[in-house]
Amino acid sequence: MAENISFNTESLGAPVDTLSYEQARAELENVVRQLESGASDLETSIALWERGESLAKRCEAWLEGAREKLNEARAEQREDAEDGEETHG
């Protein structure tokens, strides 16, 4: 039996590039639930799928940015540690 999940299709027009990671992830979870319920007509399902793709890409971009910052911080720590060894060594 399909679960009746409400989804505001007006939010499909909200700009994905303005969403935080948490907002995009939460909306993506809602999109997935709606698609899995099978309660939407074909047109709505296609719109949800496309929105889900955009949301997933937004989440990926946030995670990639975080990964880059983490790698930069690790590189700085290594450089600082190496500089400290040279000073004390």
PDB file of N, CA and C in Angstrom:
ATOM      1  N   MET A   1       0.843  -1.175   0.000  1.00  0.00           N
ATOM      2  CA  MET A   1       0.000   0.000   0.000  1.00  0.00           C
ATOM      3  C   MET A   1       0.890   1.240   0.000  1.00  0.00           C
ATOM      4  N   ALA A   2       0.618   2.152  -0.899  1.00  0.00           N
ATOM      5  CA  ALA A   2       1.424   3.374  -1.009  1.00  0.00           C
ATOM      6  C   ALA A   2       1.106   4.313   0.139  1.00  0.00           C
ATOM      7  N   GLU A   3       2.151   4.823   0.741  1.00  0.00           N
ATOM      8  CA  GLU A   3       2.006   5.772   1.838  1.00  0.00           C
ATOM      9  C   GLU A   3       1.726   7.142   1.245  1.00  0.00           C
ATOM     10  N   ASN A   4       0.741   7.853   1.791  1.00  0.00           N
ATOM     11  CA  ASN A   4       0.405   9.178   1.287  1.00  0.00           C
ATOM     12  C   ASN A   4       1.338  10.207   1.911  1.00  0.00           C
ATOM     13  N   ILE A   5       2.263  10.704   1.118  1.00  0.00           N
ATOM     14  CA  ILE A   5       3.238  11.678   1.587  1.00  0.00           C
ATOM     15  C   ILE A   5       2.979  12.976   0.854  1.00  0.00           C
ATOM     16  N   SER A   6       2.807  14.050   1.604  1.00  0.00           N
ATOM     17  CA  SER A   6       2.568  15.326   0.939  1.00  0.00           C
ATOM     18  C   SER A   6       3.890  15.928   0.500  1.00  0.00           C
ATOM     19  N   PHE A   7       3.865  16.519  -0.670  1.00  0.00           N
ATOM     20  CA  PHE A   7       5.056  17.165  -1.200  1.00  0.00           C
ATOM     21  C   PHE A   7       4.602  18.421  -1.894  1.00  0.00           C
ATOM     22  N   ASN A   8       5.172  19.528  -1.516  1.00  0.00           N
ATOM     23  CA  ASN A   8       4.809  20.805  -2.091  1.00  0.00           C
ATOM     24  C   ASN A   8       5.566  20.990  -3.396  1.00  0.00           C
ATOM     25  N   THR A   9       4.873  20.829  -4.526  1.00  0.00           N
ATOM     26  CA  THR A   9       5.545  20.948  -5.813  1.00  0.00           C
ATOM     27  C   THR A   9       5.979  22.373  -6.106  1.00  0.00           C
ATOM     28  N   GLU A  10       5.454  23.352  -5.378  1.00  0.00           N
ATOM     29  CA  GLU A  10       5.902  24.730  -5.559  1.00  0.00           C
ATOM     30  C   GLU A  10       7.367  24.872  -5.171  1.00  0.00           C
ATOM     31  N   SER A  11       7.835  24.058  -4.233  1.00  0.00           N
ATOM     32  CA  SER A  11       9.231  24.141  -3.806  1.00  0.00           C
ATOM     33  C   SER A  11      10.182  23.653  -4.893  1.00  0.00           C
ATOM     34  N   LEU A  12       9.647  23.008  -5.925  1.00  0.00           N
ATOM     35  CA  LEU A  12      10.499  22.537  -7.009  1.00  0.00           C
ATOM     36  C   LEU A  12      11.171  23.697  -7.736  1.00  0.00           C
ATOM     37  N   GLY A  13      10.618  24.899  -7.623  1.00  0.00           N
ATOM     38  CA  GLY A  13      11.204  26.047  -8.290  1.00  0.00           C
ATOM     39  C   GLY A  13      12.232  26.781  -7.450  1.00  0.00           C
ATOM     40  N   ALA A  14      12.389  26.422  -6.183  1.00  0.00           N
ATOM     41  CA  ALA A  14      13.362  27.088  -5.318  1.00  0.00           C
ATOM     42  C   ALA A  14      14.768  26.817  -5.841  1.00  0.00           C
ATOM     43  N   PRO A  15      15.606  27.845  -5.900  1.00  0.00           N
ATOM     44  CA  PRO A  15      16.957  27.660  -6.448  1.00  0.00           C
ATOM     45  C   PRO A  15      17.806  26.705  -5.603  1.00  0.00           C
ATOM     46  N   VAL A  16      18.236  25.626  -6.214  1.00  0.00           N
ATOM     47  CA  VAL A  16      19.036  24.617  -5.520  1.00  0.00           C
ATOM     48  C   VAL A  16      20.365  25.200  -5.051  1.00  0.00           C
ATOM     49  N   ASP A  17      20.936  26.104  -5.850  1.00  0.00           N
ATOM     50  CA  ASP A  17      22.262  26.638  -5.516  1.00  0.00           C
ATOM     51  C   ASP A  17      22.265  27.558  -4.301  1.00  0.00           C
ATOM     52  N   THR A  18      21.082  27.860  -3.761  1.00  0.00           N
ATOM     53  CA  THR A  18      21.021  28.683  -2.551  1.00  0.00           C
ATOM     54  C   THR A  18      20.856  27.839  -1.289  1.00  0.00           C
ATOM     55  N   LEU A  19      20.696  26.535  -1.450  1.00  0.00           N
ATOM     56  CA  LEU A  19      20.432  25.655  -0.311  1.00  0.00           C
ATOM     57  C   LEU A  19      21.717  25.254   0.399  1.00  0.00           C
ATOM     58  N   SER A  20      21.626  25.181   1.718  1.00  0.00           N
ATOM     59  CA  SER A  20      22.739  24.633   2.491  1.00  0.00           C
ATOM     60  C   SER A  20      22.760  23.122   2.269  1.00  0.00           C
ATOM     61  N   TYR A  21      23.829  22.491   2.724  1.00  0.00           N
ATOM     62  CA  TYR A  21      23.916  21.036   2.600  1.00  0.00           C
ATOM     63  C   TYR A  21      22.737  20.372   3.306  1.00  0.00           C
ATOM     64  N   GLU A  22      22.457  20.832   4.524  1.00  0.00           N
ATOM     65  CA  GLU A  22      21.389  20.227   5.319  1.00  0.00           C
ATOM     66  C   GLU A  22      20.030  20.403   4.654  1.00  0.00           C
ATOM     67  N   GLN A  23      19.783  21.586   4.092  1.00  0.00           N
ATOM     68  CA  GLN A  23      18.515  21.836   3.411  1.00  0.00           C
ATOM     69  C   GLN A  23      18.383  20.947   2.178  1.00  0.00           C
ATOM     70  N   ALA A  24      19.440  20.877   1.389  1.00  0.00           N
ATOM     71  CA  ALA A  24      19.409  20.060   0.172  1.00  0.00           C
ATOM     72  C   ALA A  24      19.218  18.587   0.512  1.00  0.00           C
ATOM     73  N   ARG A  25      19.912  18.111   1.534  1.00  0.00           N
ATOM     74  CA  ARG A  25      19.797  16.702   1.926  1.00  0.00           C
ATOM     75  C   ARG A  25      18.387  16.390   2.417  1.00  0.00           C
ATOM     76  N   ALA A  26      17.826  17.284   3.238  1.00  0.00           N
ATOM     77  CA  ALA A  26      16.478  17.055   3.760  1.00  0.00           C
ATOM     78  C   ALA A  26      15.453  17.031   2.627  1.00  0.00           C
ATOM     79  N   GLU A  27      15.588  17.960   1.693  1.00  0.00           N
ATOM     80  CA  GLU A  27      14.653  17.981   0.567  1.00  0.00           C
ATOM     81  C   GLU A  27      14.844  16.747  -0.312  1.00  0.00           C
ATOM     82  N   LEU A  28      16.087  16.331  -0.500  1.00  0.00           N
ATOM     83  CA  LEU A  28      16.360  15.128  -1.289  1.00  0.00           C
ATOM     84  C   LEU A  28      15.711  13.905  -0.638  1.00  0.00           C
ATOM     85  N   GLU A  29      15.794  13.812   0.678  1.00  0.00           N
ATOM     86  CA  GLU A  29      15.146  12.700   1.382  1.00  0.00           C
ATOM     87  C   GLU A  29      13.641  12.712   1.141  1.00  0.00           C
ATOM     88  N   ASN A  30      13.042  13.907   1.154  1.00  0.00           N
ATOM     89  CA  ASN A  30      11.601  14.014   0.890  1.00  0.00           C
ATOM     90  C   ASN A  30      11.268  13.609  -0.540  1.00  0.00           C
ATOM     91  N   VAL A  31      12.095  14.011  -1.483  1.00  0.00           N
ATOM     92  CA  VAL A  31      11.888  13.647  -2.884  1.00  0.00           C
ATOM     93  C   VAL A  31      11.944  12.130  -3.040  1.00  0.00           C
ATOM     94  N   VAL A  32      12.927  11.506  -2.428  1.00  0.00           N
ATOM     95  CA  VAL A  32      13.064  10.050  -2.520  1.00  0.00           C
ATOM     96  C   VAL A  32      11.836   9.362  -1.925  1.00  0.00           C
ATOM     97  N   ARG A  33      11.381   9.832  -0.760  1.00  0.00           N
ATOM     98  CA  ARG A  33      10.189   9.239  -0.139  1.00  0.00           C
ATOM     99  C   ARG A  33       8.981   9.343  -1.064  1.00  0.00           C
ATOM    100  N   GLN A  34       8.820  10.525  -1.655  1.00  0.00           N
ATOM    101  CA  GLN A  34       7.682  10.737  -2.550  1.00  0.00           C
ATOM    102  C   GLN A  34       7.765   9.809  -3.758  1.00  0.00           C
ATOM    103  N   LEU A  35       8.943   9.695  -4.351  1.00  0.00           N
ATOM    104  CA  LEU A  35       9.096   8.810  -5.510  1.00  0.00           C
ATOM    105  C   LEU A  35       8.866   7.354  -5.126  1.00  0.00           C
ATOM    106  N   GLU A  36       9.383   6.951  -3.975  1.00  0.00           N
ATOM    107  CA  GLU A  36       9.213   5.567  -3.529  1.00  0.00           C
ATOM    108  C   GLU A  36       7.763   5.234  -3.217  1.00  0.00           C
ATOM    109  N   SER A  37       6.979   6.238  -2.829  1.00  0.00           N
ATOM    110  CA  SER A  37       5.578   5.986  -2.492  1.00  0.00           C
ATOM    111  C   SER A  37       4.768   5.591  -3.725  1.00  0.00           C
ATOM    112  N   GLY A  38       5.220   6.052  -4.894  1.00  0.00           N
ATOM    113  CA  GLY A  38       4.504   5.720  -6.121  1.00  0.00           C
ATOM    114  C   GLY A  38       3.171   6.424  -6.263  1.00  0.00           C
ATOM    115  N   ALA A  39       2.912   7.416  -5.433  1.00  0.00           N
ATOM    116  CA  ALA A  39       1.621   8.085  -5.429  1.00  0.00           C
ATOM    117  C   ALA A  39       1.530   9.238  -6.424  1.00  0.00           C
ATOM    118  N   SER A  40       2.631   9.600  -7.053  1.00  0.00           N
ATOM    119  CA  SER A  40       2.642  10.751  -7.958  1.00  0.00           C
ATOM    120  C   SER A  40       2.331  10.334  -9.386  1.00  0.00           C
ATOM    121  N   ASP A  41       1.732  11.266 -10.131  1.00  0.00           N
ATOM    122  CA  ASP A  41       1.528  11.003 -11.548  1.00  0.00           C
ATOM    123  C   ASP A  41       2.868  11.119 -12.272  1.00  0.00           C
ATOM    124  N   LEU A  42       2.890  10.749 -13.536  1.00  0.00           N
ATOM    125  CA  LEU A  42       4.138  10.698 -14.292  1.00  0.00           C
ATOM    126  C   LEU A  42       4.817  12.063 -14.358  1.00  0.00           C
ATOM    127  N   GLU A  43       4.069  13.107 -14.640  1.00  0.00           N
ATOM    128  CA  GLU A  43       4.647  14.445 -14.768  1.00  0.00           C
ATOM    129  C   GLU A  43       5.306  14.887 -13.461  1.00  0.00           C
ATOM    130  N   THR A  44       4.630  14.656 -12.352  1.00  0.00           N
ATOM    131  CA  THR A  44       5.185  15.017 -11.049  1.00  0.00           C
ATOM    132  C   THR A  44       6.404  14.164 -10.734  1.00  0.00           C
ATOM    133  N   SER A  45       6.332  12.880 -11.065  1.00  0.00           N
ATOM    134  CA  SER A  45       7.469  11.988 -10.812  1.00  0.00           C
ATOM    135  C   SER A  45       8.704  12.435 -11.583  1.00  0.00           C
ATOM    136  N   ILE A  46       8.519  12.855 -12.823  1.00  0.00           N
ATOM    137  CA  ILE A  46       9.650  13.332 -13.623  1.00  0.00           C
ATOM    138  C   ILE A  46      10.225  14.602 -13.009  1.00  0.00           C
ATOM    139  N   ALA A  47       9.349  15.521 -12.597  1.00  0.00           N
ATOM    140  CA  ALA A  47       9.813  16.761 -11.967  1.00  0.00           C
ATOM    141  C   ALA A  47      10.555  16.459 -10.669  1.00  0.00           C
ATOM    142  N   LEU A  48      10.034  15.516  -9.895  1.00  0.00           N
ATOM    143  CA  LEU A  48      10.696  15.127  -8.649  1.00  0.00           C
ATOM    144  C   LEU A  48      12.060  14.509  -8.933  1.00  0.00           C
ATOM    145  N   TRP A  49      12.128  13.649  -9.938  1.00  0.00           N
ATOM    146  CA  TRP A  49      13.395  13.001 -10.301  1.00  0.00           C
ATOM    147  C   TRP A  49      14.432  14.054 -10.679  1.00  0.00           C
ATOM    148  N   GLU A  50      14.034  14.998 -11.521  1.00  0.00           N
ATOM    149  CA  GLU A  50      14.957  16.051 -11.950  1.00  0.00           C
ATOM    150  C   GLU A  50      15.408  16.904 -10.770  1.00  0.00           C
ATOM    151  N   ARG A  51      14.470  17.224  -9.890  1.00  0.00           N
ATOM    152  CA  ARG A  51      14.816  17.996  -8.695  1.00  0.00           C
ATOM    153  C   ARG A  51      15.773  17.186  -7.822  1.00  0.00           C
ATOM    154  N   GLY A  52      15.509  15.908  -7.681  1.00  0.00           N
ATOM    155  CA  GLY A  52      16.381  15.041  -6.897  1.00  0.00           C
ATOM    156  C   GLY A  52      17.792  15.000  -7.449  1.00  0.00           C
ATOM    157  N   GLU A  53      17.916  14.940  -8.762  1.00  0.00           N
ATOM    158  CA  GLU A  53      19.242  14.958  -9.394  1.00  0.00           C
ATOM    159  C   GLU A  53      19.982  16.250  -9.048  1.00  0.00           C
ATOM    160  N   SER A  54      19.284  17.374  -9.137  1.00  0.00           N
ATOM    161  CA  SER A  54      19.902  18.666  -8.817  1.00  0.00           C
ATOM    162  C   SER A  54      20.296  18.742  -7.348  1.00  0.00           C
ATOM    163  N   LEU A  55      19.431  18.236  -6.489  1.00  0.00           N
ATOM    164  CA  LEU A  55      19.727  18.248  -5.053  1.00  0.00           C
ATOM    165  C   LEU A  55      20.926  17.365  -4.734  1.00  0.00           C
ATOM    166  N   ALA A  56      20.997  16.205  -5.372  1.00  0.00           N
ATOM    167  CA  ALA A  56      22.128  15.297  -5.144  1.00  0.00           C
ATOM    168  C   ALA A  56      23.431  15.953  -5.580  1.00  0.00           C
ATOM    169  N   LYS A  57      23.406  16.649  -6.716  1.00  0.00           N
ATOM    170  CA  LYS A  57      24.602  17.350  -7.187  1.00  0.00           C
ATOM    171  C   LYS A  57      24.994  18.459  -6.220  1.00  0.00           C
ATOM    172  N   ARG A  58      24.001  19.149  -5.657  1.00  0.00           N
ATOM    173  CA  ARG A  58      24.281  20.212  -4.681  1.00  0.00           C
ATOM    174  C   ARG A  58      24.952  19.618  -3.440  1.00  0.00           C
ATOM    175  N   CYS A  59      24.431  18.511  -2.953  1.00  0.00           N
ATOM    176  CA  CYS A  59      25.032  17.850  -1.788  1.00  0.00           C
ATOM    177  C   CYS A  59      26.457  17.414  -2.105  1.00  0.00           C
ATOM    178  N   GLU A  60      26.653  16.863  -3.292  1.00  0.00           N
ATOM    179  CA  GLU A  60      27.989  16.434  -3.711  1.00  0.00           C
ATOM    180  C   GLU A  60      28.958  17.604  -3.738  1.00  0.00           C
ATOM    181  N   ALA A  61      28.495  18.744  -4.236  1.00  0.00           N
ATOM    182  CA  ALA A  61      29.351  19.937  -4.302  1.00  0.00           C
ATOM    183  C   ALA A  61      29.735  20.402  -2.901  1.00  0.00           C
ATOM    184  N   TRP A  62      28.780  20.392  -1.974  1.00  0.00           N
ATOM    185  CA  TRP A  62      29.087  20.768  -0.593  1.00  0.00           C
ATOM    186  C   TRP A  62      30.118  19.821   0.010  1.00  0.00           C
ATOM    187  N   LEU A  63      29.928  18.524  -0.201  1.00  0.00           N
ATOM    188  CA  LEU A  63      30.850  17.539   0.362  1.00  0.00           C
ATOM    189  C   LEU A  63      32.235  17.653  -0.258  1.00  0.00           C
ATOM    190  N   GLU A  64      32.298  17.917  -1.553  1.00  0.00           N
ATOM    191  CA  GLU A  64      33.592  18.086  -2.216  1.00  0.00           C
ATOM    192  C   GLU A  64      34.305  19.320  -1.673  1.00  0.00           C
ATOM    193  N   GLY A  65      33.564  20.393  -1.456  1.00  0.00           N
ATOM    194  CA  GLY A  65      34.153  21.595  -0.874  1.00  0.00           C
ATOM    195  C   GLY A  65      34.700  21.335   0.517  1.00  0.00           C
ATOM    196  N   ALA A  66      33.951  20.590   1.310  1.00  0.00           N
ATOM    197  CA  ALA A  66      34.408  20.249   2.660  1.00  0.00           C
ATOM    198  C   ALA A  66      35.653  19.372   2.595  1.00  0.00           C
ATOM    199  N   ARG A  67      35.678  18.431   1.647  1.00  0.00           N
ATOM    200  CA  ARG A  67      36.830  17.545   1.473  1.00  0.00           C
ATOM    201  C   ARG A  67      38.076  18.359   1.111  1.00  0.00           C
ATOM    202  N   GLU A  68      37.917  19.333   0.219  1.00  0.00           N
ATOM    203  CA  GLU A  68      39.047  20.178  -0.179  1.00  0.00           C
ATOM    204  C   GLU A  68      39.580  20.982   1.009  1.00  0.00           C
ATOM    205  N   LYS A  69      38.670  21.545   1.803  1.00  0.00           N
ATOM    206  CA  LYS A  69      39.094  22.314   2.979  1.00  0.00           C
ATOM    207  C   LYS A  69      39.830  21.428   3.974  1.00  0.00           C
ATOM    208  N   LEU A  70      39.342  20.221   4.159  1.00  0.00           N
ATOM    209  CA  LEU A  70      39.988  19.281   5.067  1.00  0.00           C
ATOM    210  C   LEU A  70      41.380  18.919   4.570  1.00  0.00           C
ATOM    211  N   ASN A  71      41.501  18.665   3.284  1.00  0.00           N
ATOM    212  CA  ASN A  71      42.813  18.346   2.708  1.00  0.00           C
ATOM    213  C   ASN A  71      43.779  19.513   2.852  1.00  0.00           C
ATOM    214  N   GLU A  72      43.292  20.742   2.653  1.00  0.00           N
ATOM    215  CA  GLU A  72      44.139  21.924   2.823  1.00  0.00           C
ATOM    216  C   GLU A  72      44.609  22.053   4.270  1.00  0.00           C
ATOM    217  N   ALA A  73      43.692  21.827   5.210  1.00  0.00           N
ATOM    218  CA  ALA A  73      44.047  21.921   6.626  1.00  0.00           C
ATOM    219  C   ALA A  73      45.078  20.859   6.996  1.00  0.00           C
ATOM    220  N   ARG A  74      44.910  19.659   6.473  1.00  0.00           N
ATOM    221  CA  ARG A  74      45.879  18.591   6.745  1.00  0.00           C
ATOM    222  C   ARG A  74      47.247  18.931   6.166  1.00  0.00           C
ATOM    223  N   ALA A  75      47.259  19.495   4.965  1.00  0.00           N
ATOM    224  CA  ALA A  75      48.525  19.879   4.334  1.00  0.00           C
ATOM    225  C   ALA A  75      49.215  20.957   5.163  1.00  0.00           C
ATOM    226  N   GLU A  76      48.454  21.926   5.655  1.00  0.00           N
ATOM    227  CA  GLU A  76      49.027  22.977   6.502  1.00  0.00           C
ATOM    228  C   GLU A  76      49.594  22.391   7.788  1.00  0.00           C
ATOM    229  N   GLN A  77      48.896  21.439   8.377  1.00  0.00           N
ATOM    230  CA  GLN A  77      49.389  20.797   9.599  1.00  0.00           C
ATOM    231  C   GLN A  77      50.698  20.071   9.333  1.00  0.00           C
ATOM    232  N   ARG A  78      50.779  19.370   8.202  1.00  0.00           N
ATOM    233  CA  ARG A  78      52.019  18.670   7.854  1.00  0.00           C
ATOM    234  C   ARG A  78      53.163  19.660   7.671  1.00  0.00           C
ATOM    235  N   GLU A  79      52.881  20.763   6.977  1.00  0.00           N
ATOM    236  CA  GLU A  79      53.913  21.782   6.767  1.00  0.00           C
ATOM    237  C   GLU A  79      54.372  22.372   8.094  1.00  0.00           C
ATOM    238  N   ASP A  80      53.417  22.663   8.975  1.00  0.00           N
ATOM    239  CA  ASP A  80      53.765  23.208  10.288  1.00  0.00           C
ATOM    240  C   ASP A  80      54.597  22.214  11.085  1.00  0.00           C
ATOM    241  N   ALA A  81      54.234  20.940  11.014  1.00  0.00           N
ATOM    242  CA  ALA A  81      54.977  19.911  11.738  1.00  0.00           C
ATOM    243  C   ALA A  81      56.388  19.781  11.177  1.00  0.00           C
ATOM    244  N   GLU A  82      56.503  19.830   9.858  1.00  0.00           N
ATOM    245  CA  GLU A  82      57.826  19.739   9.233  1.00  0.00           C
ATOM    246  C   GLU A  82      58.672  20.955   9.579  1.00  0.00           C
ATOM    247  N   ASP A  83      58.071  22.134   9.595  1.00  0.00           N
ATOM    248  CA  ASP A  83      58.797  23.349   9.972  1.00  0.00           C
ATOM    249  C   ASP A  83      59.265  23.264  11.418  1.00  0.00           C
ATOM    250  N   GLY A  84      58.429  22.717  12.279  1.00  0.00           N
ATOM    251  CA  GLY A  84      58.793  22.564  13.685  1.00  0.00           C
ATOM    252  C   GLY A  84      59.940  21.595  13.869  1.00  0.00           C
ATOM    253  N   GLU A  85      59.959  20.524  13.075  1.00  0.00           N
ATOM    254  CA  GLU A  85      61.046  19.544  13.158  1.00  0.00           C
ATOM    255  C   GLU A  85      62.355  20.151  12.682  1.00  0.00           C
ATOM    256  N   GLU A  86      62.280  20.973  11.638  1.00  0.00           N
ATOM    257  CA  GLU A  86      63.490  21.614  11.120  1.00  0.00           C
ATOM    258  C   GLU A  86      64.045  22.612  12.127  1.00  0.00           C
ATOM    259  N   THR A  87      63.172  23.321  12.815  1.00  0.00           N
ATOM    260  CA  THR A  87      63.591  24.317  13.799  1.00  0.00           C
ATOM    261  C   THR A  87      64.225  23.647  15.012  1.00  0.00           C
ATOM    262  N   HIS A  88      63.638  22.526  15.438  1.00  0.00           N
ATOM    263  CA  HIS A  88      64.113  21.836  16.639  1.00  0.00           C
ATOM    264  C   HIS A  88      65.118  20.744  16.319  1.00  0.00           C
ATOM    265  N   GLY A  89      65.288  20.408  15.085  1.00  0.00           N
ATOM    266  CA  GLY A  89      66.114  19.264  14.719  1.00  0.00           C
ATOM    267  C   GLY A  89      67.483  19.572  14.406  1.00  0.00           C
TER     268      GLY A  89
END
